[in-house]
PDB file of N, CA and C in Angstrom:
ATOM      1  N   MET A   1      41.941 151.387   6.268  1.00  0.00           N
ATOM      2  CA  MET A   1      41.739 151.107   7.707  1.00  0.00           C
ATOM      3  C   MET A   1      41.958 149.333   7.724  1.00  0.00           C
ATOM      4  N   ASN A   2      41.742 148.555   6.769  1.00  0.00           N
ATOM      5  CA  ASN A   2      42.263 147.258   6.539  1.00  0.00           C
ATOM      6  C   ASN A   2      44.149 147.176   6.689  1.00  0.00           C
ATOM      7  N   GLU A   3      44.665 148.396   6.177  1.00  0.00           N
ATOM      8  CA  GLU A   3      46.517 148.291   6.271  1.00  0.00           C
ATOM      9  C   GLU A   3      46.779 148.402   7.575  1.00  0.00           C
ATOM     10  N   ALA A   4      45.714 149.619   8.488  1.00  0.00           N
ATOM     11  CA  ALA A   4      46.128 149.565  10.014  1.00  0.00           C
ATOM     12  C   ALA A   4      45.999 148.261  10.505  1.00  0.00           C
ATOM     13  N   ARG A   5      45.318 147.584  10.235  1.00  0.00           N
ATOM     14  CA  ARG A   5      45.129 146.376  11.129  1.00  0.00           C
ATOM     15  C   ARG A   5      45.793 145.439  10.789  1.00  0.00           C
ATOM     16  N   LEU A   6      46.340 145.101   9.406  1.00  0.00           N
ATOM     17  CA  LEU A   6      47.536 144.442   9.162  1.00  0.00           C
ATOM     18  C   LEU A   6      48.364 144.699   9.724  1.00  0.00           C
ATOM     19  N   THR A   7      48.873 146.091   9.711  1.00  0.00           N
ATOM     20  CA  THR A   7      50.034 146.864  10.397  1.00  0.00           C
ATOM     21  C   THR A   7      50.075 146.326  11.825  1.00  0.00           C
ATOM     22  N   LEU A   8      49.063 146.511  12.350  1.00  0.00           N
ATOM     23  CA  LEU A   8      49.461 146.357  13.966  1.00  0.00           C
ATOM     24  C   LEU A   8      49.319 144.439  14.101  1.00  0.00           C
ATOM     25  N   ALA A   9      48.489 143.647  13.322  1.00  0.00           N
ATOM     26  CA  ALA A   9      49.155 142.314  12.961  1.00  0.00           C
ATOM     27  C   ALA A   9      50.264 142.344  13.166  1.00  0.00           C
ATOM     28  N   ALA A  10      51.029 143.039  11.857  1.00  0.00           N
ATOM     29  CA  ALA A  10      52.260 142.267  11.881  1.00  0.00           C
ATOM     30  C   ALA A  10      53.411 142.816  13.128  1.00  0.00           C
ATOM     31  N   ALA A  11      53.039 144.008  13.520  1.00  0.00           N
ATOM     32  CA  ALA A  11      53.658 144.518  14.501  1.00  0.00           C
ATOM     33  C   ALA A  11      53.228 143.251  16.007  1.00  0.00           C
ATOM     34  N   THR A  12      52.423 142.585  16.101  1.00  0.00           N
ATOM     35  CA  THR A  12      52.013 142.056  17.047  1.00  0.00           C
ATOM     36  C   THR A  12      52.591 140.470  16.950  1.00  0.00           C
ATOM     37  N   ILE A  13      52.783 140.351  15.630  1.00  0.00           N
ATOM     38  CA  ILE A  13      53.450 139.008  15.688  1.00  0.00           C
ATOM     39  C   ILE A  13      54.997 139.159  16.167  1.00  0.00           C
ATOM     40  N   VAL A  14      55.588 140.339  15.372  1.00  0.00           N
ATOM     41  CA  VAL A  14      56.975 140.515  15.786  1.00  0.00           C
ATOM     42  C   VAL A  14      57.539 140.762  17.263  1.00  0.00           C
ATOM     43  N   LEU A  15      56.510 141.171  17.914  1.00  0.00           N
ATOM     44  CA  LEU A  15      56.641 141.300  19.109  1.00  0.00           C
ATOM     45  C   LEU A  15      56.136 140.181  20.143  1.00  0.00           C
ATOM     46  N   VAL A  16      55.464 139.253  19.542  1.00  0.00           N
ATOM     47  CA  VAL A  16      55.498 137.919  19.744  1.00  0.00           C
ATOM     48  C   VAL A  16      56.381 137.189  19.713  1.00  0.00           C
ATOM     49  N   THR A  17      56.761 136.590  18.986  1.00  0.00           N
ATOM     50  CA  THR A  17      58.296 136.145  18.435  1.00  0.00           C
ATOM     51  C   THR A  17      59.520 136.797  19.295  1.00  0.00           C
ATOM     52  N   ALA A  18      59.523 138.352  19.312  1.00  0.00           N
ATOM     53  CA  ALA A  18      61.115 138.253  19.758  1.00  0.00           C
ATOM     54  C   ALA A  18      61.026 138.050  21.462  1.00  0.00           C
ATOM     55  N   CYS A  19      59.424 137.808  22.129  1.00  0.00           N
ATOM     56  CA  CYS A  19      59.573 137.964  23.353  1.00  0.00           C
ATOM     57  C   CYS A  19      59.548 136.192  23.461  1.00  0.00           C
ATOM     58  N   SER A  20      59.215 135.588  22.834  1.00  0.00           N
ATOM     59  CA  SER A  20      59.281 134.002  23.258  1.00  0.00           C
ATOM     60  C   SER A  20      60.778 133.525  22.540  1.00  0.00           C
ATOM     61  N   ALA A  21      61.221 134.429  22.158  1.00  0.00           N
ATOM     62  CA  ALA A  21      62.710 133.659  21.847  1.00  0.00           C
ATOM     63  C   ALA A  21      63.773 133.800  22.886  1.00  0.00           C
ATOM     64  N   PRO A  22      64.399 132.864  23.369  1.00  0.00           N
ATOM     65  CA  PRO A  22      65.700 132.613  24.520  1.00  0.00           C
ATOM     66  C   PRO A  22      66.503 133.666  23.725  1.00  0.00           C
ATOM     67  N   ALA A  23      66.494 134.536  25.013  1.00  0.00           N
ATOM     68  CA  ALA A  23      67.815 135.139  25.581  1.00  0.00           C
ATOM     69  C   ALA A  23      69.482 134.600  24.885  1.00  0.00           C
ATOM     70  N   PRO A  24      70.276 135.076  24.262  1.00  0.00           N
ATOM     71  CA  PRO A  24      71.510 134.738  23.854  1.00  0.00           C
ATOM     72  C   PRO A  24      72.160 133.931  25.083  1.00  0.00           C
ATOM     73  N   LYS A  25      72.161 134.246  26.082  1.00  0.00           N
ATOM     74  CA  LYS A  25      72.569 133.859  26.901  1.00  0.00           C
ATOM     75  C   LYS A  25      72.371 132.446  27.415  1.00  0.00           C
ATOM     76  N   GLN A  26      70.862 132.727  27.672  1.00  0.00           N
ATOM     77  CA  GLN A  26      70.080 131.373  27.766  1.00  0.00           C
ATOM     78  C   GLN A  26      70.156 130.161  27.044  1.00  0.00           C
ATOM     79  N   GLN A  27      70.560 130.499  25.837  1.00  0.00           N
ATOM     80  CA  GLN A  27      70.640 129.844  25.013  1.00  0.00           C
ATOM     81  C   GLN A  27      72.444 128.939  24.633  1.00  0.00           C
ATOM     82  N   SER A  28      73.405 129.811  25.259  1.00  0.00           N
ATOM     83  CA  SER A  28      74.435 129.526  25.590  1.00  0.00           C
ATOM     84  C   SER A  28      74.361 128.575  26.745  1.00  0.00           C
ATOM     85  N   THR A  29      73.903 128.945  27.711  1.00  0.00           N
ATOM     86  CA  THR A  29      73.501 127.686  29.241  1.00  0.00           C
ATOM     87  C   THR A  29      72.812 126.859  28.619  1.00  0.00           C
ATOM     88  N   ASP A  30      71.696 126.698  28.255  1.00  0.00           N
ATOM     89  CA  ASP A  30      70.960 125.910  27.844  1.00  0.00           C
ATOM     90  C   ASP A  30      72.122 124.673  26.783  1.00  0.00           C
ATOM     91  N   ALA A  31      72.973 125.344  25.733  1.00  0.00           N
ATOM     92  CA  ALA A  31      73.536 124.020  25.260  1.00  0.00           C
ATOM     93  C   ALA A  31      74.992 123.664  26.354  1.00  0.00           C
ATOM     94  N   GLU A  32      75.306 124.039  27.019  1.00  0.00           N
ATOM     95  CA  GLU A  32      76.545 123.986  28.200  1.00  0.00           C
ATOM     96  C   GLU A  32      75.839 122.803  28.772  1.00  0.00           C
ATOM     97  N   ILE A  33      74.545 122.918  29.589  1.00  0.00           N
ATOM     98  CA  ILE A  33      74.055 121.717  30.003  1.00  0.00           C
ATOM     99  C   ILE A  33      73.776 120.662  29.754  1.00  0.00           C
ATOM    100  N   SER A  34      73.061 121.063  28.244  1.00  0.00           N
ATOM    101  CA  SER A  34      72.722 119.803  27.568  1.00  0.00           C
ATOM    102  C   SER A  34      73.880 118.907  27.084  1.00  0.00           C
ATOM    103  N   ALA A  35      75.222 119.779  26.781  1.00  0.00           N
ATOM    104  CA  ALA A  35      76.190 118.639  26.193  1.00  0.00           C
ATOM    105  C   ALA A  35      76.475 117.916  27.947  1.00  0.00           C
ATOM    106  N   MET A  36      76.048 118.215  29.007  1.00  0.00           N
ATOM    107  CA  MET A  36      76.252 117.471  30.231  1.00  0.00           C
ATOM    108  C   MET A  36      75.220 116.478  30.142  1.00  0.00           C
ATOM    109  N   MET A  37      74.215 116.256  30.184  1.00  0.00           N
ATOM    110  CA  MET A  37      73.390 115.104  29.585  1.00  0.00           C
ATOM    111  C   MET A  37      73.972 113.701  29.937  1.00  0.00           C
ATOM    112  N   PRO A  38      74.889 113.572  28.647  1.00  0.00           N
ATOM    113  CA  PRO A  38      75.535 111.959  28.705  1.00  0.00           C
ATOM    114  C   PRO A  38      76.562 111.698  30.408  1.00  0.00           C
ATOM    115  N   LEU A  39      76.647 112.774  31.144  1.00  0.00           N
ATOM    116  CA  LEU A  39      77.750 112.027  32.498  1.00  0.00           C
ATOM    117  C   LEU A  39      76.251 111.946  33.102  1.00  0.00           C
ATOM    118  N   LYS A  40      74.960 112.648  33.388  1.00  0.00           N
ATOM    119  CA  LYS A  40      74.219 112.224  33.879  1.00  0.00           C
ATOM    120  C   LYS A  40      73.649 111.010  33.854  1.00  0.00           C
ATOM    121  N   ARG A  41      72.828 110.738  32.680  1.00  0.00           N
ATOM    122  CA  ARG A  41      72.855 109.267  32.256  1.00  0.00           C
ATOM    123  C   ARG A  41      73.866 108.391  32.310  1.00  0.00           C
ATOM    124  N   GLN A  42      74.735 108.358  32.392  1.00  0.00           N
ATOM    125  CA  GLN A  42      76.573 107.312  32.702  1.00  0.00           C
ATOM    126  C   GLN A  42      76.313 106.938  34.009  1.00  0.00           C
ATOM    127  N   TYR A  43      76.340 107.923  34.994  1.00  0.00           N
ATOM    128  CA  TYR A  43      76.136 108.020  36.309  1.00  0.00           C
ATOM    129  C   TYR A  43      75.169 108.477  37.037  1.00  0.00           C
ATOM    130  N   SER A  44      73.785 107.999  36.796  1.00  0.00           N
ATOM    131  CA  SER A  44      72.729 108.690  37.144  1.00  0.00           C
ATOM    132  C   SER A  44      72.650 108.050  38.344  1.00  0.00           C
ATOM    133  N   ASP A  45      73.546 107.511  39.530  1.00  0.00           N
ATOM    134  CA  ASP A  45      73.199 107.289  40.600  1.00  0.00           C
ATOM    135  C   ASP A  45      74.012 108.218  41.108  1.00  0.00           C
ATOM    136  N   VAL A  46      74.866 108.746  40.965  1.00  0.00           N
ATOM    137  CA  VAL A  46      75.694 109.766  41.362  1.00  0.00           C
ATOM    138  C   VAL A  46      75.515 110.843  40.871  1.00  0.00           C
ATOM    139  N   VAL A  47      75.114 111.316  39.643  1.00  0.00           N
ATOM    140  CA  VAL A  47      74.814 112.888  39.258  1.00  0.00           C
ATOM    141  C   VAL A  47      73.383 113.171  38.854  1.00  0.00           C
ATOM    142  N   MET A  48      72.994 114.312  39.922  1.00  0.00           N
ATOM    143  CA  MET A  48      71.419 114.688  39.769  1.00  0.00           C
ATOM    144  C   MET A  48      71.332 115.436  38.943  1.00  0.00           C
ATOM    145  N   GLY A  49      71.542 116.532  38.408  1.00  0.00           N
ATOM    146  CA  GLY A  49      71.636 117.468  37.559  1.00  0.00           C
ATOM    147  C   GLY A  49      72.512 118.841  37.506  1.00  0.00           C
ATOM    148  N   PHE A  50      72.125 119.997  37.025  1.00  0.00           N
ATOM    149  CA  PHE A  50      73.064 120.559  36.833  1.00  0.00           C
ATOM    150  C   PHE A  50      72.944 122.196  36.963  1.00  0.00           C
ATOM    151  N   ASP A  51      73.519 123.061  36.366  1.00  0.00           N
ATOM    152  CA  ASP A  51      73.552 124.131  36.733  1.00  0.00           C
ATOM    153  C   ASP A  51      74.468 125.555  36.560  1.00  0.00           C
ATOM    154  N   VAL A  52      74.296 126.624  35.658  1.00  0.00           N
ATOM    155  CA  VAL A  52      75.322 126.966  35.441  1.00  0.00           C
ATOM    156  C   VAL A  52      75.246 128.770  35.680  1.00  0.00           C
ATOM    157  N   HIS A  53      76.666 128.935  37.111  1.00  0.00           N
ATOM    158  CA  HIS A  53      75.952 129.986  37.853  1.00  0.00           C
ATOM    159  C   HIS A  53      77.277 130.233  38.502  1.00  0.00           C
ATOM    160  N   PRO A  54      78.125 131.423  38.374  1.00  0.00           N
ATOM    161  CA  PRO A  54      77.593 132.524  37.225  1.00  0.00           C
ATOM    162  C   PRO A  54      78.288 131.790  35.623  1.00  0.00           C
ATOM    163  N   GLN A  55      78.784 132.595  34.837  1.00  0.00           N
ATOM    164  CA  GLN A  55      78.652 132.087  33.746  1.00  0.00           C
ATOM    165  C   GLN A  55      80.371 131.222  33.450  1.00  0.00           C
ATOM    166  N   THR A  56      81.081 131.434  34.560  1.00  0.00           N
ATOM    167  CA  THR A  56      81.789 130.574  34.358  1.00  0.00           C
ATOM    168  C   THR A  56      82.040 129.050  35.553  1.00  0.00           C
ATOM    169  N   THR A  57      81.182 129.177  35.992  1.00  0.00           N
ATOM    170  CA  THR A  57      80.888 128.018  37.227  1.00  0.00           C
ATOM    171  C   THR A  57      79.640 127.097  36.762  1.00  0.00           C
ATOM    172  N   LEU A  58      79.856 125.821  36.652  1.00  0.00           N
ATOM    173  CA  LEU A  58      79.335 124.897  36.417  1.00  0.00           C
ATOM    174  C   LEU A  58      78.567 123.743  37.959  1.00  0.00           C
ATOM    175  N   ILE A  59      77.515 123.923  38.230  1.00  0.00           N
ATOM    176  CA  ILE A  59      77.211 123.363  39.464  1.00  0.00           C
ATOM    177  C   ILE A  59      76.409 122.007  38.991  1.00  0.00           C
ATOM    178  N   VAL A  60      77.380 120.680  39.431  1.00  0.00           N
ATOM    179  CA  VAL A  60      77.029 119.172  39.419  1.00  0.00           C
ATOM    180  C   VAL A  60      76.676 119.056  40.870  1.00  0.00           C
ATOM    181  N   SER A  61      74.813 118.767  40.545  1.00  0.00           N
ATOM    182  CA  SER A  61      74.492 118.276  41.930  1.00  0.00           C
ATOM    183  C   SER A  61      74.681 116.615  42.236  1.00  0.00           C
ATOM    184  N   VAL A  62      74.731 116.133  43.340  1.00  0.00           N
ATOM    185  CA  VAL A  62      75.483 114.702  43.267  1.00  0.00           C
ATOM    186  C   VAL A  62      74.583 114.218  44.663  1.00  0.00           C
ATOM    187  N   ASP A  63      74.103 113.147  44.601  1.00  0.00           N
ATOM    188  CA  ASP A  63      73.461 112.254  45.725  1.00  0.00           C
ATOM    189  C   ASP A  63      74.837 111.821  46.439  1.00  0.00           C
ATOM    190  N   LEU A  64      74.955 112.894  47.597  1.00  0.00           N
ATOM    191  CA  LEU A  64      75.973 112.730  48.409  1.00  0.00           C
ATOM    192  C   LEU A  64      76.480 111.493  48.966  1.00  0.00           C
ATOM    193  N   GLN A  65      75.376 110.339  49.698  1.00  0.00           N
ATOM    194  CA  GLN A  65      75.546 109.593  49.497  1.00  0.00           C
ATOM    195  C   GLN A  65      76.197 108.467  48.480  1.00  0.00           C
ATOM    196  N   GLN A  66      75.473 108.621  47.944  1.00  0.00           N
ATOM    197  CA  GLN A  66      76.227 107.703  46.570  1.00  0.00           C
ATOM    198  C   GLN A  66      77.489 107.840  45.813  1.00  0.00           C
ATOM    199  N   TYR A  67      78.132 109.319  45.889  1.00  0.00           N
ATOM    200  CA  TYR A  67      79.319 109.711  45.981  1.00  0.00           C
ATOM    201  C   TYR A  67      80.141 108.974  46.424  1.00  0.00           C
ATOM    202  N   ILE A  68      79.895 109.030  47.962  1.00  0.00           N
ATOM    203  CA  ILE A  68      80.746 108.691  49.228  1.00  0.00           C
ATOM    204  C   ILE A  68      81.169 107.145  48.621  1.00  0.00           C
ATOM    205  N   GLU A  69      79.960 106.205  48.573  1.00  0.00           N
ATOM    206  CA  GLU A  69      80.151 105.105  48.510  1.00  0.00           C
ATOM    207  C   GLU A  69      80.749 104.496  46.912  1.00  0.00           C
ATOM    208  N   THR A  70      80.850 105.468  45.531  1.00  0.00           N
ATOM    209  CA  THR A  70      81.307 105.098  44.930  1.00  0.00           C
ATOM    210  C   THR A  70      82.677 104.906  44.765  1.00  0.00           C
ATOM    211  N   ASP A  71      83.429 103.730  44.313  1.00  0.00           N
ATOM    212  CA  ASP A  71      84.826 103.707  44.135  1.00  0.00           C
ATOM    213  C   ASP A  71      85.584 105.216  43.563  1.00  0.00           C
ATOM    214  N   ASP A  72      87.272 105.186  44.262  1.00  0.00           N
ATOM    215  CA  ASP A  72      87.408 106.166  43.924  1.00  0.00           C
ATOM    216  C   ASP A  72      87.777 106.324  42.375  1.00  0.00           C
ATOM    217  N   GLU A  73      88.304 105.274  41.858  1.00  0.00           N
ATOM    218  CA  GLU A  73      88.299 105.402  40.446  1.00  0.00           C
ATOM    219  C   GLU A  73      87.663 106.012  39.636  1.00  0.00           C
ATOM    220  N   THR A  74      86.003 105.922  39.660  1.00  0.00           N
ATOM    221  CA  THR A  74      84.795 106.312  39.113  1.00  0.00           C
ATOM    222  C   THR A  74      84.559 107.836  39.616  1.00  0.00           C
ATOM    223  N   ILE A  75      84.541 108.113  40.713  1.00  0.00           N
ATOM    224  CA  ILE A  75      84.831 109.415  41.334  1.00  0.00           C
ATOM    225  C   ILE A  75      86.001 110.207  40.468  1.00  0.00           C
ATOM    226  N   ALA A  76      86.839 109.587  40.287  1.00  0.00           N
ATOM    227  CA  ALA A  76      87.996 110.383  39.437  1.00  0.00           C
ATOM    228  C   ALA A  76      87.436 110.594  37.776  1.00  0.00           C
ATOM    229  N   ALA A  77      86.889 109.336  37.389  1.00  0.00           N
ATOM    230  CA  ALA A  77      86.289 109.783  35.923  1.00  0.00           C
ATOM    231  C   ALA A  77      85.006 110.423  35.689  1.00  0.00           C
ATOM    232  N   ILE A  78      84.505 110.900  36.946  1.00  0.00           N
ATOM    233  CA  ILE A  78      83.283 111.365  36.547  1.00  0.00           C
ATOM    234  C   ILE A  78      83.569 112.790  36.419  1.00  0.00           C
ATOM    235  N   ARG A  79      84.444 113.289  37.387  1.00  0.00           N
ATOM    236  CA  ARG A  79      85.206 114.696  37.616  1.00  0.00           C
ATOM    237  C   ARG A  79      85.932 115.031  36.156  1.00  0.00           C
ATOM    238  N   ARG A  80      86.618 114.137  35.801  1.00  0.00           N
ATOM    239  CA  ARG A  80      87.482 114.423  34.805  1.00  0.00           C
ATOM    240  C   ARG A  80      86.396 114.649  33.265  1.00  0.00           C
ATOM    241  N   ASP A  81      85.274 113.864  33.592  1.00  0.00           N
ATOM    242  CA  ASP A  81      84.487 114.175  32.151  1.00  0.00           C
ATOM    243  C   ASP A  81      83.187 115.285  32.919  1.00  0.00           C
ATOM    244  N   ALA A  82      83.262 115.429  33.494  1.00  0.00           N
ATOM    245  CA  ALA A  82      82.347 116.584  33.858  1.00  0.00           C
ATOM    246  C   ALA A  82      83.287 118.024  33.432  1.00  0.00           C
ATOM    247  N   VAL A  83      84.577 118.205  33.574  1.00  0.00           N
ATOM    248  CA  VAL A  83      85.108 118.835  33.228  1.00  0.00           C
ATOM    249  C   VAL A  83      85.229 119.258  31.973  1.00  0.00           C
ATOM    250  N   GLY A  84      86.159 117.823  31.835  1.00  0.00           N
ATOM    251  CA  GLY A  84      86.092 118.013  30.047  1.00  0.00           C
ATOM    252  C   GLY A  84      85.183 118.193  28.976  1.00  0.00           C
ATOM    253  N   ARG A  85      83.484 117.613  29.331  1.00  0.00           N
ATOM    254  CA  ARG A  85      82.401 118.179  28.384  1.00  0.00           C
ATOM    255  C   ARG A  85      82.358 119.468  28.545  1.00  0.00           C
ATOM    256  N   TRP A  86      82.184 119.993  29.523  1.00  0.00           N
ATOM    257  CA  TRP A  86      82.126 121.519  30.398  1.00  0.00           C
ATOM    258  C   TRP A  86      83.025 122.002  29.484  1.00  0.00           C
ATOM    259  N   ARG A  87      83.954 122.252  29.581  1.00  0.00           N
ATOM    260  CA  ARG A  87      84.972 123.114  28.719  1.00  0.00           C
ATOM    261  C   ARG A  87      84.878 122.975  27.501  1.00  0.00           C
ATOM    262  N   ALA A  88      84.645 121.889  26.794  1.00  0.00           N
ATOM    263  CA  ALA A  88      84.429 121.790  25.592  1.00  0.00           C
ATOM    264  C   ALA A  88      83.155 122.974  25.240  1.00  0.00           C
ATOM    265  N   ALA A  89      81.960 122.359  25.826  1.00  0.00           N
ATOM    266  CA  ALA A  89      80.806 123.490  25.492  1.00  0.00           C
ATOM    267  C   ALA A  89      80.804 124.491  25.740  1.00  0.00           C
ATOM    268  N   TRP A  90      81.978 125.062  26.753  1.00  0.00           N
ATOM    269  CA  TRP A  90      82.009 126.243  27.134  1.00  0.00           C
ATOM    270  C   TRP A  90      82.617 127.213  25.851  1.00  0.00           C
ATOM    271  N   ILE A  91      83.744 126.425  25.316  1.00  0.00           N
ATOM    272  CA  ILE A  91      84.403 126.926  24.354  1.00  0.00           C
ATOM    273  C   ILE A  91      83.552 126.794  22.978  1.00  0.00           C
ATOM    274  N   ALA A  92      82.707 125.866  22.761  1.00  0.00           N
ATOM    275  CA  ALA A  92      81.701 126.063  21.496  1.00  0.00           C
ATOM    276  C   ALA A  92      80.793 126.985  21.598  1.00  0.00           C
ATOM    277  N   ALA A  93      80.228 127.727  23.325  1.00  0.00           N
ATOM    278  CA  ALA A  93      79.281 128.865  23.125  1.00  0.00           C
ATOM    279  C   ALA A  93      80.140 129.859  23.578  1.00  0.00           C
ATOM    280  N   HIS A  94      81.348 129.894  23.641  1.00  0.00           N
ATOM    281  CA  HIS A  94      81.671 131.667  23.845  1.00  0.00           C
ATOM    282  C   HIS A  94      83.319 131.146  22.842  1.00  0.00           C
ATOM    283  N   PRO A  95      83.308 131.402  21.799  1.00  0.00           N
ATOM    284  CA  PRO A  95      84.392 131.141  20.875  1.00  0.00           C
ATOM    285  C   PRO A  95      85.317 132.249  20.953  1.00  0.00           C
ATOM    286  N   HIS A  96      86.515 132.109  20.930  1.00  0.00           N
ATOM    287  CA  HIS A  96      87.528 133.107  21.536  1.00  0.00           C
ATOM    288  C   HIS A  96      87.836 133.655  22.536  1.00  0.00           C
ATOM    289  N   GLN A  97      87.207 133.340  23.363  1.00  0.00           N
ATOM    290  CA  GLN A  97      87.106 133.990  24.891  1.00  0.00           C
ATOM    291  C   GLN A  97      87.820 133.093  25.842  1.00  0.00           C
ATOM    292  N   HIS A  98      88.366 133.630  26.837  1.00  0.00           N
ATOM    293  CA  HIS A  98      88.995 132.787  27.640  1.00  0.00           C
ATOM    294  C   HIS A  98      88.779 133.117  29.245  1.00  0.00           C
ATOM    295  N   ALA A  99      88.818 132.173  30.124  1.00  0.00           N
ATOM    296  CA  ALA A  99      88.483 132.405  31.325  1.00  0.00           C
ATOM    297  C   ALA A  99      88.818 131.157  31.815  1.00  0.00           C
ATOM    298  N   ILE A 100      88.838 131.227  33.607  1.00  0.00           N
ATOM    299  CA  ILE A 100      89.072 129.744  34.097  1.00  0.00           C
ATOM    300  C   ILE A 100      87.683 129.354  34.605  1.00  0.00           C
ATOM    301  N   LEU A 101      87.767 128.449  34.375  1.00  0.00           N
ATOM    302  CA  LEU A 101      86.547 127.801  34.383  1.00  0.00           C
ATOM    303  C   LEU A 101      86.356 126.769  35.655  1.00  0.00           C
ATOM    304  N   HIS A 102      85.144 126.970  36.366  1.00  0.00           N
ATOM    305  CA  HIS A 102      84.824 125.701  37.819  1.00  0.00           C
ATOM    306  C   HIS A 102      83.753 125.191  37.803  1.00  0.00           C
ATOM    307  N   VAL A 103      84.457 123.478  37.769  1.00  0.00           N
ATOM    308  CA  VAL A 103      83.320 122.825  37.910  1.00  0.00           C
ATOM    309  C   VAL A 103      82.918 122.177  39.460  1.00  0.00           C
ATOM    310  N   ARG A 104      81.708 122.542  40.140  1.00  0.00           N
ATOM    311  CA  ARG A 104      81.332 122.935  41.491  1.00  0.00           C
ATOM    312  C   ARG A 104      80.592 121.676  42.006  1.00  0.00           C
ATOM    313  N   PHE A 105      81.161 120.377  42.794  1.00  0.00           N
ATOM    314  CA  PHE A 105      80.129 119.504  42.884  1.00  0.00           C
ATOM    315  C   PHE A 105      79.655 119.875  44.347  1.00  0.00           C
ATOM    316  N   ILE A 106      78.390 119.855  44.394  1.00  0.00           N
ATOM    317  CA  ILE A 106      77.396 120.004  45.510  1.00  0.00           C
ATOM    318  C   ILE A 106      76.071 118.921  46.157  1.00  0.00           C
ATOM    319  N   ASP A 107      76.011 118.906  47.244  1.00  0.00           N
ATOM    320  CA  ASP A 107      75.373 117.956  47.578  1.00  0.00           C
ATOM    321  C   ASP A 107      73.557 119.026  47.647  1.00  0.00           C
ATOM    322  N   PHE A 108      72.787 117.803  48.004  1.00  0.00           N
ATOM    323  CA  PHE A 108      71.137 118.278  47.536  1.00  0.00           C
ATOM    324  C   PHE A 108      71.150 119.901  49.037  1.00  0.00           C
ATOM    325  N   ILE A 109      71.902 119.949  49.224  1.00  0.00           N
ATOM    326  CA  ILE A 109      71.556 121.340  50.218  1.00  0.00           C
ATOM    327  C   ILE A 109      72.370 122.166  49.951  1.00  0.00           C
ATOM    328  N   GLY A 110      73.095 121.828  49.238  1.00  0.00           N
ATOM    329  CA  GLY A 110      73.961 123.008  48.455  1.00  0.00           C
ATOM    330  C   GLY A 110      75.515 123.027  48.823  1.00  0.00           C
ATOM    331  N   ARG A 111      75.830 122.357  49.900  1.00  0.00           N
ATOM    332  CA  ARG A 111      77.608 122.057  50.668  1.00  0.00           C
ATOM    333  C   ARG A 111      78.066 121.536  49.401  1.00  0.00           C
ATOM    334  N   LYS A 112      79.474 122.058  49.161  1.00  0.00           N
ATOM    335  CA  LYS A 112      80.644 121.944  48.102  1.00  0.00           C
ATOM    336  C   LYS A 112      81.071 120.617  48.496  1.00  0.00           C
ATOM    337  N   VAL A 113      81.053 120.004  47.840  1.00  0.00           N
ATOM    338  CA  VAL A 113      81.856 118.368  47.744  1.00  0.00           C
ATOM    339  C   VAL A 113      83.469 118.680  47.522  1.00  0.00           C
ATOM    340  N   VAL A 114      83.354 119.488  46.005  1.00  0.00           N
ATOM    341  CA  VAL A 114      84.741 119.244  45.544  1.00  0.00           C
ATOM    342  C   VAL A 114      84.324 120.257  44.617  1.00  0.00           C
ATOM    343  N   THR A 115      85.688 120.759  44.007  1.00  0.00           N
ATOM    344  CA  THR A 115      85.634 121.646  43.045  1.00  0.00           C
ATOM    345  C   THR A 115      87.223 121.038  42.023  1.00  0.00           C
ATOM    346  N   GLU A 116      86.651 121.212  40.801  1.00  0.00           N
ATOM    347  CA  GLU A 116      87.723 121.282  39.864  1.00  0.00           C
ATOM    348  C   GLU A 116      87.753 122.377  39.150  1.00  0.00           C
ATOM    349  N   SER A 117      89.298 123.124  38.728  1.00  0.00           N
ATOM    350  CA  SER A 117      89.278 124.155  37.727  1.00  0.00           C
ATOM    351  C   SER A 117      90.064 123.711  36.589  1.00  0.00           C
ATOM    352  N   THR A 118      90.002 124.411  35.359  1.00  0.00           N
ATOM    353  CA  THR A 118      90.654 124.430  34.341  1.00  0.00           C
ATOM    354  C   THR A 118      90.757 125.789  33.514  1.00  0.00           C
ATOM    355  N   LYS A 119      91.421 126.147  32.952  1.00  0.00           N
ATOM    356  CA  LYS A 119      91.846 127.168  31.961  1.00  0.00           C
ATOM    357  C   LYS A 119      91.455 127.085  30.692  1.00  0.00           C
ATOM    358  N   VAL A 120      90.974 127.938  30.038  1.00  0.00           N
ATOM    359  CA  VAL A 120      90.379 128.196  28.514  1.00  0.00           C
ATOM    360  C   VAL A 120      90.905 129.071  27.849  1.00  0.00           C
TER     361      VAL A 120
END
């Protein structure tokens, strides 16, 4: 009887552990978004957040009013930095894979502000 309980307890622990571990796709998405966070900290008045959707498109949410009021040089730097950071993060998460990556900047209601692309 004790052996059956131990087997059941072990199976329950394995099941709970397997269910709580994030899926590999979610882990790579989390790593990519985490790599983008310095951009949000540096340009906190313009960059509001990130999402990956689908796998080869990074969505960068911006405060449109702040984006419009920011000088062209800074906007160009934000766009370059976003593409460069995400490209590096994507390559790290998807070694030996090739794709055309898109970085789409959107406003708070989802309207496209600008899109950048790069090959990997």
